[in-house]
């Protein structure tokens, strides 16, 4: 996956004082996840960090204070006005009563959710999904396996879109490509991949968490499937040269939105809200200016480079 240095992020480093052993992770969104199969160290890691609030054996370097949450103290933590990084068992977060979920989603805190099995139940970005392992008497944390992410694809490949027919990705790309399968929702993509020999998937990797494990299963079985390397459809539009004249200094924080995809959408809506021709409304039809723009106006950017290359290859065939 391409570098995300341009995304706002915050680092956490855990360093054991007795021997200097360290591990670190980067948070890119409101929710991040540490997952894996049973017995690999997730619970032990959580308990070690929780105990450190008493033992102080681990030095933690972070932009924000770190606190471990349980069912008993979660509501109190949510009432703390200053931002915290909250480590919590995933089962204590998702699937809870609606009122608590709304409070979590609207909280200013950042949540690192520890999974109980090889599953993802939250709105995590792909780069915010980690696995943890025990290494001797310490731990290692690494990024979870990627979904064969690339910007390289051919016009002859099938394009699978997260969006429905005539919406978002399909509405924008249908001028340039012929072979589409429209999933009509993130959680429907995996079913569309079952009987496809090869293809490139356009899905919001900045909010892929709930579908990640099933999509990874599909990719492992068929390496001729890949995901286009971007955070979201809104990122593609926001980076388009067509919008250069609309942009002003960004004042929003990525951590003030629930997902990276929602952050991109908020930026795009703010950027275009004073333009009658380019105004973007999430979930609505694209303004004619997008559909009628040239490929260079839409895709001559770091985010759209792979699309522009595929279109250029088509034009030279």
C-alpha atoms as a PDB file:
ATOM      1  CA  UNK A   1       0.000   0.000   0.000  1.00  0.00           C
ATOM      2  CA  UNK A   2       1.332   3.464  -0.833  1.00  0.00           C
ATOM      3  CA  UNK A   3       2.907   5.598   1.902  1.00  0.00           C
ATOM      4  CA  UNK A   4       0.530   7.388   4.263  1.00  0.00           C
ATOM      5  CA  UNK A   5       2.935  10.016   5.595  1.00  0.00           C
ATOM      6  CA  UNK A   6       0.599  12.671   4.236  1.00  0.00           C
ATOM      7  CA  UNK A   7      -2.224  11.413   6.447  1.00  0.00           C
ATOM      8  CA  UNK A   8      -2.471  12.860   9.913  1.00  0.00           C
ATOM      9  CA  UNK A   9      -1.406  10.205  12.401  1.00  0.00           C
ATOM     10  CA  UNK A  10      -0.103   9.663  15.897  1.00  0.00           C
ATOM     11  CA  UNK A  11       2.558   7.232  17.124  1.00  0.00           C
ATOM     12  CA  UNK A  12       2.633   5.041  20.210  1.00  0.00           C
ATOM     13  CA  UNK A  13       5.841   3.469  21.484  1.00  0.00           C
ATOM     14  CA  UNK A  14       5.933   1.004  24.393  1.00  0.00           C
ATOM     15  CA  UNK A  15       9.416   0.574  25.940  1.00  0.00           C
ATOM     16  CA  UNK A  16      10.135  -1.816  28.808  1.00  0.00           C
ATOM     17  CA  UNK A  17      12.427  -0.063  31.252  1.00  0.00           C
ATOM     18  CA  UNK A  18      14.241  -3.170  32.477  1.00  0.00           C
ATOM     19  CA  UNK A  19      15.773  -4.138  29.126  1.00  0.00           C
ATOM     20  CA  UNK A  20      14.829  -1.454  26.601  1.00  0.00           C
ATOM     21  CA  UNK A  21      12.645  -3.748  24.472  1.00  0.00           C
ATOM     22  CA  UNK A  22      10.188  -1.731  22.383  1.00  0.00           C
ATOM     23  CA  UNK A  23       7.176  -2.021  20.146  1.00  0.00           C
ATOM     24  CA  UNK A  24       5.271   0.687  18.327  1.00  0.00           C
ATOM     25  CA  UNK A  25       2.174   1.309  16.257  1.00  0.00           C
ATOM     26  CA  UNK A  26       0.637   4.189  14.332  1.00  0.00           C
ATOM     27  CA  UNK A  27      -2.968   5.353  14.621  1.00  0.00           C
ATOM     28  CA  UNK A  28      -4.606   6.885  11.563  1.00  0.00           C
ATOM     29  CA  UNK A  29      -8.224   6.970  12.640  1.00  0.00           C
ATOM     30  CA  UNK A  30     -10.780   7.077  15.447  1.00  0.00           C
ATOM     31  CA  UNK A  31     -10.667   3.267  15.630  1.00  0.00           C
ATOM     32  CA  UNK A  32      -7.681   0.932  15.259  1.00  0.00           C
ATOM     33  CA  UNK A  33      -7.585  -2.835  15.762  1.00  0.00           C
ATOM     34  CA  UNK A  34      -5.193  -5.446  17.128  1.00  0.00           C
ATOM     35  CA  UNK A  35      -6.372  -8.889  16.107  1.00  0.00           C
ATOM     36  CA  UNK A  36      -5.292 -12.459  15.457  1.00  0.00           C
ATOM     37  CA  UNK A  37      -6.028 -16.055  16.288  1.00  0.00           C
ATOM     38  CA  UNK A  38      -6.508 -17.187  19.875  1.00  0.00           C
ATOM     39  CA  UNK A  39      -3.368 -17.729  21.907  1.00  0.00           C
ATOM     40  CA  UNK A  40      -1.076 -15.308  20.070  1.00  0.00           C
ATOM     41  CA  UNK A  41      -0.847 -12.740  22.847  1.00  0.00           C
ATOM     42  CA  UNK A  42      -3.664 -10.207  22.465  1.00  0.00           C
ATOM     43  CA  UNK A  43      -5.088 -10.746  25.957  1.00  0.00           C
ATOM     44  CA  UNK A  44      -1.630 -10.876  27.511  1.00  0.00           C
ATOM     45  CA  UNK A  45      -0.694  -7.625  25.769  1.00  0.00           C
ATOM     46  CA  UNK A  46      -3.868  -5.914  26.977  1.00  0.00           C
ATOM     47  CA  UNK A  47      -3.334  -7.117  30.537  1.00  0.00           C
ATOM     48  CA  UNK A  48       0.320  -6.041  30.498  1.00  0.00           C
ATOM     49  CA  UNK A  49      -0.592  -2.483  29.491  1.00  0.00           C
ATOM     50  CA  UNK A  50      -3.431  -2.420  32.038  1.00  0.00           C
ATOM     51  CA  UNK A  51      -1.107  -3.576  34.837  1.00  0.00           C
ATOM     52  CA  UNK A  52       1.419  -0.925  33.847  1.00  0.00           C
ATOM     53  CA  UNK A  53      -0.919   1.744  35.171  1.00  0.00           C
ATOM     54  CA  UNK A  54       0.066   0.344  38.600  1.00  0.00           C
ATOM     55  CA  UNK A  55       3.561  -1.121  38.053  1.00  0.00           C
ATOM     56  CA  UNK A  56       4.914   1.623  35.751  1.00  0.00           C
ATOM     57  CA  UNK A  57       7.370  -0.896  34.284  1.00  0.00           C
ATOM     58  CA  UNK A  58       6.772   0.289  30.721  1.00  0.00           C
ATOM     59  CA  UNK A  59       7.550   3.749  29.420  1.00  0.00           C
ATOM     60  CA  UNK A  60       4.898   4.873  26.943  1.00  0.00           C
ATOM     61  CA  UNK A  61       5.669   7.611  24.441  1.00  0.00           C
ATOM     62  CA  UNK A  62       2.537   9.055  22.902  1.00  0.00           C
ATOM     63  CA  UNK A  63       0.965  12.368  21.940  1.00  0.00           C
ATOM     64  CA  UNK A  64      -1.999  11.503  24.172  1.00  0.00           C
ATOM     65  CA  UNK A  65      -2.316   9.698  27.530  1.00  0.00           C
ATOM     66  CA  UNK A  66      -3.129   5.987  27.222  1.00  0.00           C
ATOM     67  CA  UNK A  67      -5.715   4.273  29.381  1.00  0.00           C
ATOM     68  CA  UNK A  68      -7.201   0.771  29.390  1.00  0.00           C
ATOM     69  CA  UNK A  69     -10.972   0.482  29.543  1.00  0.00           C
ATOM     70  CA  UNK A  70     -13.333  -2.160  30.896  1.00  0.00           C
ATOM     71  CA  UNK A  71     -17.107  -2.408  30.899  1.00  0.00           C
ATOM     72  CA  UNK A  72     -17.059  -0.924  34.380  1.00  0.00           C
ATOM     73  CA  UNK A  73     -15.029   2.218  33.671  1.00  0.00           C
ATOM     74  CA  UNK A  74     -15.855   2.887  29.999  1.00  0.00           C
ATOM     75  CA  UNK A  75     -18.610   5.445  30.609  1.00  0.00           C
ATOM     76  CA  UNK A  76     -16.375   7.385  32.974  1.00  0.00           C
ATOM     77  CA  UNK A  77     -13.571   7.432  30.421  1.00  0.00           C
ATOM     78  CA  UNK A  78     -15.926   8.701  27.727  1.00  0.00           C
ATOM     79  CA  UNK A  79     -16.749  11.664  29.975  1.00  0.00           C
ATOM     80  CA  UNK A  80     -13.099  12.776  30.207  1.00  0.00           C
ATOM     81  CA  UNK A  81     -12.905  16.012  28.184  1.00  0.00           C
ATOM     82  CA  UNK A  82      -9.246  15.730  27.088  1.00  0.00           C
ATOM     83  CA  UNK A  83      -8.356  13.274  24.323  1.00  0.00           C
ATOM     84  CA  UNK A  84      -7.055   9.871  25.379  1.00  0.00           C
ATOM     85  CA  UNK A  85      -5.955   6.749  23.539  1.00  0.00           C
ATOM     86  CA  UNK A  86      -8.180   4.028  24.942  1.00  0.00           C
ATOM     87  CA  UNK A  87      -7.273   0.330  24.781  1.00  0.00           C
ATOM     88  CA  UNK A  88     -10.388  -1.795  25.034  1.00  0.00           C
ATOM     89  CA  UNK A  89     -11.580  -5.327  24.351  1.00  0.00           C
ATOM     90  CA  UNK A  90     -13.460  -5.227  21.041  1.00  0.00           C
ATOM     91  CA  UNK A  91     -16.301  -7.273  22.535  1.00  0.00           C
ATOM     92  CA  UNK A  92     -16.898  -4.454  25.024  1.00  0.00           C
ATOM     93  CA  UNK A  93     -17.322  -1.920  22.215  1.00  0.00           C
ATOM     94  CA  UNK A  94     -19.172  -3.196  19.172  1.00  0.00           C
ATOM     95  CA  UNK A  95     -22.586  -4.740  19.442  1.00  0.00           C
ATOM     96  CA  UNK A  96     -23.379  -2.780  22.594  1.00  0.00           C
ATOM     97  CA  UNK A  97     -26.531  -0.714  23.066  1.00  0.00           C
ATOM     98  CA  UNK A  98     -27.107   1.991  20.479  1.00  0.00           C
ATOM     99  CA  UNK A  99     -26.716   4.867  22.928  1.00  0.00           C
ATOM    100  CA  UNK A 100     -23.265   3.680  24.018  1.00  0.00           C
ATOM    101  CA  UNK A 101     -22.182   3.160  20.406  1.00  0.00           C
ATOM    102  CA  UNK A 102     -23.237   6.698  19.525  1.00  0.00           C
ATOM    103  CA  UNK A 103     -21.234   7.991  22.465  1.00  0.00           C
ATOM    104  CA  UNK A 104     -18.170   6.017  21.348  1.00  0.00           C
ATOM    105  CA  UNK A 105     -18.478   7.191  17.750  1.00  0.00           C
ATOM    106  CA  UNK A 106     -18.819  10.818  18.794  1.00  0.00           C
ATOM    107  CA  UNK A 107     -16.108  10.682  21.437  1.00  0.00           C
ATOM    108  CA  UNK A 108     -12.927  12.728  21.008  1.00  0.00           C
ATOM    109  CA  UNK A 109     -10.882   9.728  22.193  1.00  0.00           C
ATOM    110  CA  UNK A 110      -9.025   7.312  19.926  1.00  0.00           C
ATOM    111  CA  UNK A 111      -9.808   3.621  20.441  1.00  0.00           C
ATOM    112  CA  UNK A 112      -7.418   0.701  20.002  1.00  0.00           C
ATOM    113  CA  UNK A 113      -9.681  -2.351  20.033  1.00  0.00           C
ATOM    114  CA  UNK A 114      -8.262  -5.752  20.972  1.00  0.00           C
ATOM    115  CA  UNK A 115     -10.013  -8.546  19.069  1.00  0.00           C
ATOM    116  CA  UNK A 116     -10.820 -11.892  20.651  1.00  0.00           C
ATOM    117  CA  UNK A 117     -10.341 -13.879  17.432  1.00  0.00           C
ATOM    118  CA  UNK A 118      -9.272 -13.355  13.833  1.00  0.00           C
ATOM    119  CA  UNK A 119     -12.153 -10.997  13.156  1.00  0.00           C
ATOM    120  CA  UNK A 120     -12.736  -7.278  12.645  1.00  0.00           C
ATOM    121  CA  UNK A 121     -15.980  -5.816  13.903  1.00  0.00           C
ATOM    122  CA  UNK A 122     -15.244  -2.102  13.671  1.00  0.00           C
ATOM    123  CA  UNK A 123     -14.810   0.712  11.187  1.00  0.00           C
ATOM    124  CA  UNK A 124     -11.054   0.418  10.815  1.00  0.00           C
ATOM    125  CA  UNK A 125      -8.871   1.668   7.967  1.00  0.00           C
ATOM    126  CA  UNK A 126      -6.726  -1.013   6.352  1.00  0.00           C
ATOM    127  CA  UNK A 127      -3.514   0.571   7.631  1.00  0.00           C
ATOM    128  CA  UNK A 128      -4.999   0.650  11.150  1.00  0.00           C
ATOM    129  CA  UNK A 129      -5.374  -3.149  11.477  1.00  0.00           C
ATOM    130  CA  UNK A 130      -2.554  -4.883  13.353  1.00  0.00           C
ATOM    131  CA  UNK A 131      -1.628  -8.304  14.670  1.00  0.00           C
ATOM    132  CA  UNK A 132       0.271  -8.911  17.909  1.00  0.00           C
ATOM    133  CA  UNK A 133       2.463 -11.906  18.785  1.00  0.00           C
ATOM    134  CA  UNK A 134       4.395 -13.026  21.836  1.00  0.00           C
ATOM    135  CA  UNK A 135       8.163 -13.055  21.289  1.00  0.00           C
ATOM    136  CA  UNK A 136       9.740 -14.729  24.276  1.00  0.00           C
ATOM    137  CA  UNK A 137       8.764 -12.555  27.219  1.00  0.00           C
ATOM    138  CA  UNK A 138       7.804  -9.554  25.047  1.00  0.00           C
ATOM    139  CA  UNK A 139       5.557  -8.755  22.091  1.00  0.00           C
ATOM    140  CA  UNK A 140       5.736  -7.789  18.450  1.00  0.00           C
ATOM    141  CA  UNK A 141       3.121  -5.782  16.591  1.00  0.00           C
ATOM    142  CA  UNK A 142       2.912  -5.747  12.808  1.00  0.00           C
ATOM    143  CA  UNK A 143       0.489  -4.505  10.169  1.00  0.00           C
ATOM    144  CA  UNK A 144      -2.113  -7.081   9.214  1.00  0.00           C
ATOM    145  CA  UNK A 145      -1.851  -8.729   5.823  1.00  0.00           C
ATOM    146  CA  UNK A 146      -2.822  -6.406   3.001  1.00  0.00           C
ATOM    147  CA  UNK A 147      -5.449  -7.089   0.348  1.00  0.00           C
ATOM    148  CA  UNK A 148      -3.069  -7.214  -2.635  1.00  0.00           C
ATOM    149  CA  UNK A 149      -3.245  -3.431  -2.898  1.00  0.00           C
ATOM    150  CA  UNK A 150      -1.983  -1.801  -6.098  1.00  0.00           C
ATOM    151  CA  UNK A 151      -2.550   0.999  -8.571  1.00  0.00           C
ATOM    152  CA  UNK A 152      -1.556  -1.206 -11.496  1.00  0.00           C
ATOM    153  CA  UNK A 153      -4.373  -2.677 -13.541  1.00  0.00           C
ATOM    154  CA  UNK A 154      -5.386  -3.269 -17.128  1.00  0.00           C
ATOM    155  CA  UNK A 155      -8.398  -2.031 -19.038  1.00  0.00           C
ATOM    156  CA  UNK A 156      -9.123  -5.675 -19.857  1.00  0.00           C
ATOM    157  CA  UNK A 157      -9.677  -6.541 -16.218  1.00  0.00           C
ATOM    158  CA  UNK A 158     -13.060  -6.512 -14.577  1.00  0.00           C
ATOM    159  CA  UNK A 159     -13.628  -3.557 -12.244  1.00  0.00           C
ATOM    160  CA  UNK A 160     -15.577  -4.396  -9.099  1.00  0.00           C
ATOM    161  CA  UNK A 161     -17.004  -1.332  -7.376  1.00  0.00           C
ATOM    162  CA  UNK A 162     -18.177  -0.992  -3.812  1.00  0.00           C
ATOM    163  CA  UNK A 163     -20.793   1.424  -5.129  1.00  0.00           C
ATOM    164  CA  UNK A 164     -24.057   0.499  -6.766  1.00  0.00           C
ATOM    165  CA  UNK A 165     -24.713   0.809 -10.493  1.00  0.00           C
ATOM    166  CA  UNK A 166     -24.493   4.444 -11.698  1.00  0.00           C
ATOM    167  CA  UNK A 167     -23.177   5.723  -8.378  1.00  0.00           C
ATOM    168  CA  UNK A 168     -19.791   6.979  -7.163  1.00  0.00           C
ATOM    169  CA  UNK A 169     -16.932   4.911  -8.646  1.00  0.00           C
ATOM    170  CA  UNK A 170     -19.082   3.367 -11.351  1.00  0.00           C
ATOM    171  CA  UNK A 171     -20.611   6.696 -12.348  1.00  0.00           C
ATOM    172  CA  UNK A 172     -17.146   8.272 -12.669  1.00  0.00           C
ATOM    173  CA  UNK A 173     -15.295   5.398 -14.371  1.00  0.00           C
ATOM    174  CA  UNK A 174     -17.905   4.081 -16.786  1.00  0.00           C
ATOM    175  CA  UNK A 175     -16.835   6.588 -19.473  1.00  0.00           C
ATOM    176  CA  UNK A 176     -13.414   4.990 -19.634  1.00  0.00           C
ATOM    177  CA  UNK A 177     -13.892   1.285 -18.920  1.00  0.00           C
ATOM    178  CA  UNK A 178     -16.334  -1.370 -20.057  1.00  0.00           C
ATOM    179  CA  UNK A 179     -16.243  -4.333 -17.680  1.00  0.00           C
ATOM    180  CA  UNK A 180     -17.930  -3.659 -14.328  1.00  0.00           C
ATOM    181  CA  UNK A 181     -19.501  -5.554 -11.472  1.00  0.00           C
ATOM    182  CA  UNK A 182     -21.214  -3.263  -8.948  1.00  0.00           C
ATOM    183  CA  UNK A 183     -21.461  -4.706  -5.444  1.00  0.00           C
ATOM    184  CA  UNK A 184     -23.766  -2.083  -3.963  1.00  0.00           C
ATOM    185  CA  UNK A 185     -22.149  -2.099  -0.523  1.00  0.00           C
ATOM    186  CA  UNK A 186     -18.892  -2.905   1.269  1.00  0.00           C
ATOM    187  CA  UNK A 187     -20.166  -6.132   2.791  1.00  0.00           C
ATOM    188  CA  UNK A 188     -21.409  -7.399  -0.583  1.00  0.00           C
ATOM    189  CA  UNK A 189     -18.031  -7.224  -2.317  1.00  0.00           C
ATOM    190  CA  UNK A 190     -16.825 -10.618  -1.126  1.00  0.00           C
ATOM    191  CA  UNK A 191     -19.760 -12.434  -2.736  1.00  0.00           C
ATOM    192  CA  UNK A 192     -18.984 -10.774  -6.073  1.00  0.00           C
ATOM    193  CA  UNK A 193     -15.399 -12.050  -5.936  1.00  0.00           C
ATOM    194  CA  UNK A 194     -16.325 -15.716  -5.657  1.00  0.00           C
ATOM    195  CA  UNK A 195     -16.617 -16.392  -9.374  1.00  0.00           C
ATOM    196  CA  UNK A 196     -14.225 -13.817 -10.867  1.00  0.00           C
ATOM    197  CA  UNK A 197     -10.901 -14.966 -12.310  1.00  0.00           C
ATOM    198  CA  UNK A 198      -9.218 -11.563 -12.124  1.00  0.00           C
ATOM    199  CA  UNK A 199     -10.197  -8.008 -11.342  1.00  0.00           C
ATOM    200  CA  UNK A 200      -9.470  -4.754  -9.558  1.00  0.00           C
ATOM    201  CA  UNK A 201     -11.704  -3.702  -6.657  1.00  0.00           C
ATOM    202  CA  UNK A 202     -12.513  -0.059  -5.969  1.00  0.00           C
ATOM    203  CA  UNK A 203     -13.488   0.030  -2.295  1.00  0.00           C
ATOM    204  CA  UNK A 204     -12.947   2.484   0.548  1.00  0.00           C
ATOM    205  CA  UNK A 205      -9.841   1.074   2.251  1.00  0.00           C
ATOM    206  CA  UNK A 206     -10.169   3.861   4.809  1.00  0.00           C
ATOM    207  CA  UNK A 207     -13.244   2.080   6.198  1.00  0.00           C
ATOM    208  CA  UNK A 208     -12.760  -1.578   5.278  1.00  0.00           C
ATOM    209  CA  UNK A 209     -12.583  -3.099   8.772  1.00  0.00           C
ATOM    210  CA  UNK A 210     -15.890  -4.966   8.977  1.00  0.00           C
ATOM    211  CA  UNK A 211     -15.311  -6.651   5.619  1.00  0.00           C
ATOM    212  CA  UNK A 212     -11.554  -7.178   5.947  1.00  0.00           C
ATOM    213  CA  UNK A 213     -11.363 -10.795   7.102  1.00  0.00           C
ATOM    214  CA  UNK A 214     -13.716 -12.164   4.445  1.00  0.00           C
ATOM    215  CA  UNK A 215     -12.044 -10.113   1.702  1.00  0.00           C
ATOM    216  CA  UNK A 216      -8.638 -11.378   2.815  1.00  0.00           C
ATOM    217  CA  UNK A 217      -9.965 -14.920   2.502  1.00  0.00           C
ATOM    218  CA  UNK A 218     -10.967 -14.222  -1.108  1.00  0.00           C
ATOM    219  CA  UNK A 219      -7.600 -12.639  -1.946  1.00  0.00           C
ATOM    220  CA  UNK A 220      -5.651 -15.535  -0.460  1.00  0.00           C
ATOM    221  CA  UNK A 221      -7.527 -17.939  -2.737  1.00  0.00           C
ATOM    222  CA  UNK A 222      -7.085 -15.809  -5.852  1.00  0.00           C
ATOM    223  CA  UNK A 223      -4.007 -13.612  -6.219  1.00  0.00           C
ATOM    224  CA  UNK A 224      -5.331 -12.299  -9.538  1.00  0.00           C
ATOM    225  CA  UNK A 225      -7.726 -10.133  -7.542  1.00  0.00           C
ATOM    226  CA  UNK A 226      -6.470  -6.809  -6.194  1.00  0.00           C
ATOM    227  CA  UNK A 227      -7.679  -3.614  -4.532  1.00  0.00           C
ATOM    228  CA  UNK A 228      -7.043  -0.159  -5.936  1.00  0.00           C
ATOM    229  CA  UNK A 229      -4.709   1.781  -3.686  1.00  0.00           C
ATOM    230  CA  UNK A 230      -6.712   4.640  -2.239  1.00  0.00           C
ATOM    231  CA  UNK A 231      -8.444   5.515   0.988  1.00  0.00           C
ATOM    232  CA  UNK A 232     -11.801   6.365  -0.527  1.00  0.00           C
ATOM    233  CA  UNK A 233     -13.663   7.542  -3.604  1.00  0.00           C
ATOM    234  CA  UNK A 234     -13.856  10.969  -1.962  1.00  0.00           C
ATOM    235  CA  UNK A 235     -10.058  11.087  -1.697  1.00  0.00           C
ATOM    236  CA  UNK A 236      -9.844  10.489  -5.434  1.00  0.00           C
ATOM    237  CA  UNK A 237     -12.134  13.446  -6.133  1.00  0.00           C
ATOM    238  CA  UNK A 238     -10.542  15.714  -3.523  1.00  0.00           C
ATOM    239  CA  UNK A 239      -7.098  15.179  -5.077  1.00  0.00           C
ATOM    240  CA  UNK A 240      -8.345  15.797  -8.626  1.00  0.00           C
ATOM    241  CA  UNK A 241      -6.820  18.803 -10.463  1.00  0.00           C
ATOM    242  CA  UNK A 242     -10.398  19.797 -11.239  1.00  0.00           C
ATOM    243  CA  UNK A 243     -10.746  20.952  -7.620  1.00  0.00           C
ATOM    244  CA  UNK A 244      -7.451  22.803  -7.237  1.00  0.00           C
ATOM    245  CA  UNK A 245      -9.175  26.183  -7.396  1.00  0.00           C
ATOM    246  CA  UNK A 246     -11.585  25.254  -4.571  1.00  0.00           C
ATOM    247  CA  UNK A 247      -9.085  24.256  -1.925  1.00  0.00           C
ATOM    248  CA  UNK A 248      -8.210  26.289   1.116  1.00  0.00           C
ATOM    249  CA  UNK A 249      -6.124  25.443   4.164  1.00  0.00           C
ATOM    250  CA  UNK A 250      -7.406  22.259   5.808  1.00  0.00           C
ATOM    251  CA  UNK A 251      -8.667  22.842   9.337  1.00  0.00           C
ATOM    252  CA  UNK A 252     -10.298  19.503  10.080  1.00  0.00           C
ATOM    253  CA  UNK A 253      -8.526  16.763  12.029  1.00  0.00           C
ATOM    254  CA  UNK A 254      -8.763  13.191  10.810  1.00  0.00           C
ATOM    255  CA  UNK A 255      -9.341  12.192  14.448  1.00  0.00           C
ATOM    256  CA  UNK A 256     -12.492  14.275  14.640  1.00  0.00           C
ATOM    257  CA  UNK A 257     -14.227  11.966  12.166  1.00  0.00           C
ATOM    258  CA  UNK A 258     -15.184   8.347  12.834  1.00  0.00           C
ATOM    259  CA  UNK A 259     -13.356   6.954   9.784  1.00  0.00           C
ATOM    260  CA  UNK A 260     -10.786   8.051   7.212  1.00  0.00           C
ATOM    261  CA  UNK A 261     -13.494   7.761   4.560  1.00  0.00           C
ATOM    262  CA  UNK A 262     -15.756  10.153   6.480  1.00  0.00           C
ATOM    263  CA  UNK A 263     -12.837  12.544   6.886  1.00  0.00           C
ATOM    264  CA  UNK A 264     -12.267  12.532   3.114  1.00  0.00           C
ATOM    265  CA  UNK A 265     -15.968  13.086   2.552  1.00  0.00           C
ATOM    266  CA  UNK A 266     -16.043  16.004   5.009  1.00  0.00           C
ATOM    267  CA  UNK A 267     -13.045  17.620   3.280  1.00  0.00           C
ATOM    268  CA  UNK A 268     -14.646  17.210  -0.137  1.00  0.00           C
ATOM    269  CA  UNK A 269     -17.998  18.600   0.952  1.00  0.00           C
ATOM    270  CA  UNK A 270     -16.352  21.587   2.638  1.00  0.00           C
ATOM    271  CA  UNK A 271     -14.112  22.228  -0.360  1.00  0.00           C
ATOM    272  CA  UNK A 272     -16.997  22.287  -2.843  1.00  0.00           C
ATOM    273  CA  UNK A 273     -19.882  23.704  -0.824  1.00  0.00           C
ATOM    274  CA  UNK A 274     -19.535  27.183  -2.392  1.00  0.00           C
ATOM    275  CA  UNK A 275     -19.319  25.865  -5.954  1.00  0.00           C
ATOM    276  CA  UNK A 276     -22.595  25.341  -7.772  1.00  0.00           C
ATOM    277  CA  UNK A 277     -20.832  23.319 -10.477  1.00  0.00           C
ATOM    278  CA  UNK A 278     -18.668  21.089  -8.276  1.00  0.00           C
ATOM    279  CA  UNK A 279     -20.678  20.694  -5.087  1.00  0.00           C
ATOM    280  CA  UNK A 280     -20.407  17.187  -3.704  1.00  0.00           C
ATOM    281  CA  UNK A 281     -23.019  15.610  -1.435  1.00  0.00           C
ATOM    282  CA  UNK A 282     -22.204  12.224   0.034  1.00  0.00           C
ATOM    283  CA  UNK A 283     -24.528   9.546  -1.331  1.00  0.00           C
ATOM    284  CA  UNK A 284     -25.907  11.757  -4.089  1.00  0.00           C
ATOM    285  CA  UNK A 285     -25.362  11.727  -7.828  1.00  0.00           C
ATOM    286  CA  UNK A 286     -22.193  13.390  -9.062  1.00  0.00           C
ATOM    287  CA  UNK A 287     -22.466  16.889 -10.459  1.00  0.00           C
ATOM    288  CA  UNK A 288     -22.227  16.929 -14.288  1.00  0.00           C
ATOM    289  CA  UNK A 289     -18.858  18.700 -14.080  1.00  0.00           C
ATOM    290  CA  UNK A 290     -17.243  15.537 -12.708  1.00  0.00           C
ATOM    291  CA  UNK A 291     -18.776  13.214 -15.257  1.00  0.00           C
ATOM    292  CA  UNK A 292     -17.898  15.535 -18.154  1.00  0.00           C
ATOM    293  CA  UNK A 293     -14.343  16.403 -17.045  1.00  0.00           C
ATOM    294  CA  UNK A 294     -11.320  15.074 -18.914  1.00  0.00           C
ATOM    295  CA  UNK A 295      -9.287  12.178 -17.589  1.00  0.00           C
ATOM    296  CA  UNK A 296      -6.413  14.553 -16.802  1.00  0.00           C
ATOM    297  CA  UNK A 297      -8.694  16.846 -14.788  1.00  0.00           C
ATOM    298  CA  UNK A 298      -9.942  13.888 -12.760  1.00  0.00           C
ATOM    299  CA  UNK A 299      -7.011  11.513 -12.385  1.00  0.00           C
ATOM    300  CA  UNK A 300      -3.727  13.424 -12.842  1.00  0.00           C
ATOM    301  CA  UNK A 301      -2.826  13.058  -9.166  1.00  0.00           C
ATOM    302  CA  UNK A 302      -1.019  10.654  -6.876  1.00  0.00           C
ATOM    303  CA  UNK A 303      -4.332   9.028  -5.993  1.00  0.00           C
ATOM    304  CA  UNK A 304      -5.606   8.759  -9.564  1.00  0.00           C
ATOM    305  CA  UNK A 305      -2.314   7.881 -11.267  1.00  0.00           C
ATOM    306  CA  UNK A 306      -3.139   4.209 -11.776  1.00  0.00           C
ATOM    307  CA  UNK A 307      -6.492   5.024 -13.359  1.00  0.00           C
ATOM    308  CA  UNK A 308      -4.931   7.588 -15.697  1.00  0.00           C
ATOM    309  CA  UNK A 309      -2.273   5.088 -16.746  1.00  0.00           C
ATOM    310  CA  UNK A 310      -4.895   2.440 -17.533  1.00  0.00           C
ATOM    311  CA  UNK A 311      -6.898   4.962 -19.583  1.00  0.00           C
ATOM    312  CA  UNK A 312      -3.776   6.060 -21.472  1.00  0.00           C
ATOM    313  CA  UNK A 313      -2.954   2.451 -22.327  1.00  0.00           C
ATOM    314  CA  UNK A 314      -6.503   2.054 -23.658  1.00  0.00           C
ATOM    315  CA  UNK A 315      -6.165   5.120 -25.853  1.00  0.00           C
ATOM    316  CA  UNK A 316      -2.903   3.898 -27.389  1.00  0.00           C
ATOM    317  CA  UNK A 317      -4.204   0.400 -28.169  1.00  0.00           C
END
